[in-house]
Amino acid sequence: MVNFVKTAAIAQAANIPVWHGSGNDLGILEKSYLHAASIAPNCLLVSDFVGSWTQVDDLITEGFTFTNSYTPVLQTPGLGCELDLDVLEKYRVDG
């Protein structure tokens, strides 16, 4: 996320808007994307955080909620999410 913020700052200096996307990422990574996008003042283009739509589970206790196409950046410590330990146990594979 540090590289995104640095790149966004360079783009901002050139007056270029940016966006942040995702792939088939799990919840904790997508929450980090949301935090990075929220601090880049020029992150004005529609970002997509779609991992939760493509996964059986995102492995966090509370996924994204959307209202009018927006999702809030949670103000709780860390990334604002917790790993769902029950789901982690369900998908654990012993090696």
Protein backbone atom coordinates (compact mmCIF):
# COMPACT_ATOMS: atom_id res chain seq x y z
CA MET A 1 0.00 0.00 0.00
CA VAL A 2 2.97 2.27 0.53
CA ASN A 3 3.77 2.09 -3.18
CA PHE A 4 0.19 3.00 -4.09
CA VAL A 5 0.29 6.05 -1.83
CA LYS A 6 3.66 7.13 -3.24
CA THR A 7 2.48 6.68 -6.83
CA ALA A 8 -0.76 8.52 -6.08
CA ALA A 9 1.28 11.43 -4.68
CA ILE A 10 3.31 11.62 -7.89
CA ALA A 11 0.11 11.57 -9.93
CA GLN A 12 -1.39 14.27 -7.69
CA ALA A 13 1.62 16.51 -8.34
CA ALA A 14 0.81 16.17 -12.05
CA ASN A 15 -2.92 16.77 -11.37
CA ILE A 16 -3.83 13.23 -12.44
CA PRO A 17 -6.64 11.33 -10.70
CA VAL A 18 -6.08 7.71 -9.69
CA TRP A 19 -8.10 4.66 -8.68
CA HIS A 20 -7.40 1.45 -6.81
CA GLY A 21 -8.55 -1.94 -7.96
CA SER A 22 -8.47 -5.45 -6.67
CA GLY A 23 -8.58 -8.97 -7.92
CA ASN A 24 -9.60 -12.16 -6.20
CA ASP A 25 -8.22 -10.86 -2.93
CA LEU A 26 -9.37 -11.75 0.56
CA GLY A 27 -10.99 -9.31 2.95
CA ILE A 28 -7.99 -8.19 4.97
CA LEU A 29 -6.07 -7.20 1.83
CA GLU A 30 -9.08 -5.41 0.38
CA LYS A 31 -9.53 -3.48 3.63
CA SER A 32 -5.90 -2.32 3.27
CA TYR A 33 -6.69 -1.19 -0.30
CA LEU A 34 -9.62 0.83 1.02
CA HIS A 35 -7.44 2.58 3.59
CA ALA A 36 -4.77 3.41 1.01
CA ALA A 37 -7.34 4.74 -1.45
CA SER A 38 -8.98 6.84 1.25
CA ILE A 39 -5.83 8.80 2.05
CA ALA A 40 -4.94 9.64 -1.55
CA PRO A 41 -6.78 12.93 -2.19
CA ASN A 42 -6.67 12.34 -5.94
CA CYS A 43 -8.19 8.85 -5.71
CA LEU A 44 -11.35 10.17 -7.32
CA LEU A 45 -12.03 7.55 -9.97
CA VAL A 46 -14.33 4.67 -9.04
CA SER A 47 -12.31 1.96 -7.32
CA ASP A 48 -13.29 -1.68 -7.30
CA PHE A 49 -12.91 -4.01 -4.36
CA VAL A 50 -14.51 -7.17 -5.69
CA GLY A 51 -12.87 -10.08 -3.90
CA SER A 52 -15.81 -10.59 -1.56
CA TRP A 53 -18.08 -11.02 -4.59
CA THR A 54 -15.89 -13.76 -6.07
CA GLN A 55 -14.93 -15.77 -2.97
CA VAL A 56 -16.83 -18.33 -0.91
CA ASP A 57 -15.69 -16.35 2.13
CA ASP A 58 -13.46 -13.31 2.61
CA LEU A 59 -12.09 -14.64 5.95
CA ILE A 60 -13.02 -11.52 7.93
CA THR A 61 -15.87 -11.09 10.39
CA GLU A 62 -17.39 -8.04 8.72
CA GLY A 63 -17.05 -7.51 5.00
CA PHE A 64 -17.75 -4.43 2.96
CA THR A 65 -21.09 -2.69 3.19
CA PHE A 66 -22.20 -0.35 0.44
CA THR A 67 -24.61 2.57 0.51
CA ASN A 68 -25.14 4.50 -2.72
CA SER A 69 -22.03 2.80 -4.16
CA TYR A 70 -19.82 3.92 -1.26
CA THR A 71 -18.28 1.94 1.57
CA PRO A 72 -17.11 3.53 4.80
CA VAL A 73 -13.55 3.40 6.04
CA LEU A 74 -13.93 1.93 9.50
CA GLN A 75 -12.39 3.92 12.33
CA THR A 76 -11.51 0.98 14.57
CA PRO A 77 -7.83 0.12 15.24
CA GLY A 78 -5.73 -1.42 12.50
CA LEU A 79 -7.53 -2.02 9.24
CA GLY A 80 -10.91 -2.02 10.93
CA CYS A 81 -11.50 -5.72 10.48
CA GLU A 82 -10.89 -8.96 12.30
CA LEU A 83 -10.02 -12.36 10.94
CA ASP A 84 -12.87 -14.83 11.26
CA LEU A 85 -11.11 -17.57 13.22
CA ASP A 86 -14.01 -20.02 12.83
CA VAL A 87 -13.89 -19.70 9.05
CA LEU A 88 -10.10 -19.97 9.07
CA GLU A 89 -10.43 -23.24 10.99
CA LYS A 90 -13.06 -24.47 8.51
CA TYR A 91 -10.68 -23.98 5.57
CA ARG A 92 -7.47 -24.99 7.34
CA VAL A 93 -5.48 -27.66 5.53
CA ASP A 94 -3.00 -29.70 7.52
CA GLY A 95 0.20 -30.18 5.61
